[in-house]
């Protein structure tokens, strides 16, 4: 884990504003545009993959609206445009996955806000909302 000084230096160097990823089991942590873009490129989930998820370690929610004023927002929009399936297909797949849908309801996240989803090698599902 990065120390506060290292995190601040990385944040200043990247010029990105942080957003909070709200997790179910671990303390909240900050993410930046470059981390989100990298996650979308490496771990983007298709609608079929979302439908078939039976278990996951943790589910994080990242609100992308925190980045709308960022200089890198255009790059984020571009990365979202390259995801396997569009937001409507992702939303439909989440609705058909009871465990993810229940978790979103528990956290009062409206399905209409969902734009993408990723799952990393550790089994952490991240839902991106606007």
Protein backbone atom coordinates (compact mmCIF):
# COMPACT_ATOMS: atom_id res chain seq x y z
CA UNK A 1 0.00 0.00 0.00
CA UNK A 2 1.31 3.47 -0.84
CA UNK A 3 2.19 5.85 1.95
CA UNK A 4 0.34 9.16 2.09
CA UNK A 5 3.37 11.02 0.75
CA UNK A 6 3.77 8.64 -2.17
CA UNK A 7 0.04 8.84 -2.92
CA UNK A 8 0.13 12.64 -2.87
CA UNK A 9 3.17 12.71 -5.16
CA UNK A 10 1.53 10.29 -7.60
CA UNK A 11 -1.68 12.31 -7.53
CA UNK A 12 0.14 15.57 -8.23
CA UNK A 13 2.23 13.97 -10.98
CA UNK A 14 -0.82 12.51 -12.72
CA UNK A 15 -2.88 15.66 -12.39
CA UNK A 16 -5.95 13.53 -11.66
CA UNK A 17 -8.52 14.12 -9.02
CA UNK A 18 -9.24 11.09 -6.85
CA UNK A 19 -12.64 9.47 -6.49
CA UNK A 20 -13.74 7.12 -3.78
CA UNK A 21 -14.32 3.44 -4.43
CA UNK A 22 -16.88 2.23 -1.93
CA UNK A 23 -16.23 -1.39 -0.99
CA UNK A 24 -18.31 -3.80 1.02
CA UNK A 25 -15.58 -5.33 3.17
CA UNK A 26 -12.52 -3.11 3.06
CA UNK A 27 -11.99 0.53 3.90
CA UNK A 28 -12.78 2.97 1.11
CA UNK A 29 -9.83 3.87 -1.11
CA UNK A 30 -9.16 6.53 -3.70
CA UNK A 31 -8.78 5.84 -7.42
CA UNK A 32 -7.78 8.11 -10.29
CA UNK A 33 -8.65 8.30 -13.98
CA UNK A 34 -5.57 6.36 -15.11
CA UNK A 35 -6.37 3.49 -12.71
CA UNK A 36 -9.94 3.35 -14.00
CA UNK A 37 -8.85 3.37 -17.64
CA UNK A 38 -6.30 0.61 -16.96
CA UNK A 39 -8.94 -1.48 -15.17
CA UNK A 40 -11.44 -1.04 -18.00
CA UNK A 41 -8.84 -2.04 -20.59
CA UNK A 42 -7.60 -5.08 -18.67
CA UNK A 43 -10.68 -6.36 -16.85
CA UNK A 44 -13.81 -5.13 -18.63
CA UNK A 45 -16.68 -7.58 -18.23
CA UNK A 46 -19.11 -8.43 -21.00
CA UNK A 47 -22.81 -8.84 -20.28
CA UNK A 48 -22.44 -12.63 -20.52
CA UNK A 49 -19.63 -12.61 -17.97
CA UNK A 50 -21.70 -10.50 -15.58
CA UNK A 51 -24.67 -12.86 -15.87
CA UNK A 52 -22.53 -15.88 -14.96
CA UNK A 53 -20.75 -14.46 -11.88
CA UNK A 54 -21.68 -16.70 -8.99
CA UNK A 55 -19.35 -15.26 -6.38
CA UNK A 56 -16.89 -12.47 -5.79
CA UNK A 57 -14.62 -11.34 -2.98
CA UNK A 58 -15.81 -7.74 -2.82
CA UNK A 59 -17.94 -5.34 -4.82
CA UNK A 60 -16.73 -1.73 -5.23
CA UNK A 61 -18.69 1.18 -6.63
CA UNK A 62 -16.85 4.01 -8.42
CA UNK A 63 -18.78 7.18 -9.26
CA UNK A 64 -17.34 8.57 -12.48
CA UNK A 65 -19.15 11.89 -12.14
CA UNK A 66 -16.30 12.96 -9.81
CA UNK A 67 -14.09 13.14 -12.91
CA UNK A 68 -16.30 15.25 -15.18
CA UNK A 69 -14.18 18.36 -14.62
CA UNK A 70 -10.90 16.45 -15.03
CA UNK A 71 -8.63 17.11 -17.99
CA UNK A 72 -8.55 13.35 -18.52
CA UNK A 73 -12.32 12.90 -18.72
CA UNK A 74 -12.16 12.59 -22.52
CA UNK A 75 -9.76 9.63 -22.16
CA UNK A 76 -12.14 8.05 -19.66
CA UNK A 77 -15.06 8.49 -22.08
CA UNK A 78 -12.96 6.90 -24.81
CA UNK A 79 -12.15 3.91 -22.57
CA UNK A 80 -15.82 3.49 -21.72
CA UNK A 81 -16.63 3.51 -25.44
CA UNK A 82 -14.24 0.61 -26.02
CA UNK A 83 -15.83 -1.69 -23.43
CA UNK A 84 -17.10 -5.06 -24.66
CA UNK A 85 -20.78 -4.22 -24.22
CA UNK A 86 -22.62 -0.93 -23.88
CA UNK A 87 -24.16 0.33 -20.68
CA UNK A 88 -27.65 -0.96 -21.54
CA UNK A 89 -26.39 -4.52 -21.97
CA UNK A 90 -24.37 -4.26 -18.75
CA UNK A 91 -27.42 -2.99 -16.85
CA UNK A 92 -29.58 -5.81 -18.20
CA UNK A 93 -26.97 -8.39 -17.21
CA UNK A 94 -26.71 -6.98 -13.69
CA UNK A 95 -30.49 -7.13 -13.28
CA UNK A 96 -30.32 -10.85 -14.13
CA UNK A 97 -27.53 -11.47 -11.56
CA UNK A 98 -29.28 -11.64 -8.18
CA UNK A 99 -26.20 -11.30 -5.98
CA UNK A 100 -24.89 -8.16 -7.71
CA UNK A 101 -28.36 -6.65 -8.00
CA UNK A 102 -29.05 -7.22 -4.31
CA UNK A 103 -25.76 -5.59 -3.37
CA UNK A 104 -26.55 -2.54 -5.51
CA UNK A 105 -30.01 -2.28 -3.93
CA UNK A 106 -28.45 -2.60 -0.47
CA UNK A 107 -26.20 0.36 -1.29
CA UNK A 108 -29.03 2.35 -2.91
CA UNK A 109 -27.36 2.39 -6.32
CA UNK A 110 -29.89 2.83 -9.11
CA UNK A 111 -29.32 0.46 -12.03
CA UNK A 112 -29.80 3.37 -14.47
CA UNK A 113 -26.51 4.88 -13.21
CA UNK A 114 -24.38 1.82 -14.13
CA UNK A 115 -22.13 2.24 -17.19
CA UNK A 116 -19.53 -0.56 -16.91
CA UNK A 117 -18.17 -3.35 -14.73
CA UNK A 118 -14.79 -4.98 -14.20
CA UNK A 119 -13.50 -7.96 -12.23
CA UNK A 120 -9.85 -8.31 -11.30
CA UNK A 121 -7.72 -11.40 -10.61
CA UNK A 122 -8.48 -11.22 -6.89
CA UNK A 123 -12.23 -11.51 -7.48
CA UNK A 124 -13.07 -7.85 -6.84
CA UNK A 125 -15.98 -6.65 -8.96
CA UNK A 126 -16.09 -2.92 -9.61
CA UNK A 127 -19.25 -1.26 -10.86
CA UNK A 128 -18.80 2.13 -12.53
CA UNK A 129 -21.69 4.58 -12.23
CA UNK A 130 -22.53 8.14 -13.30
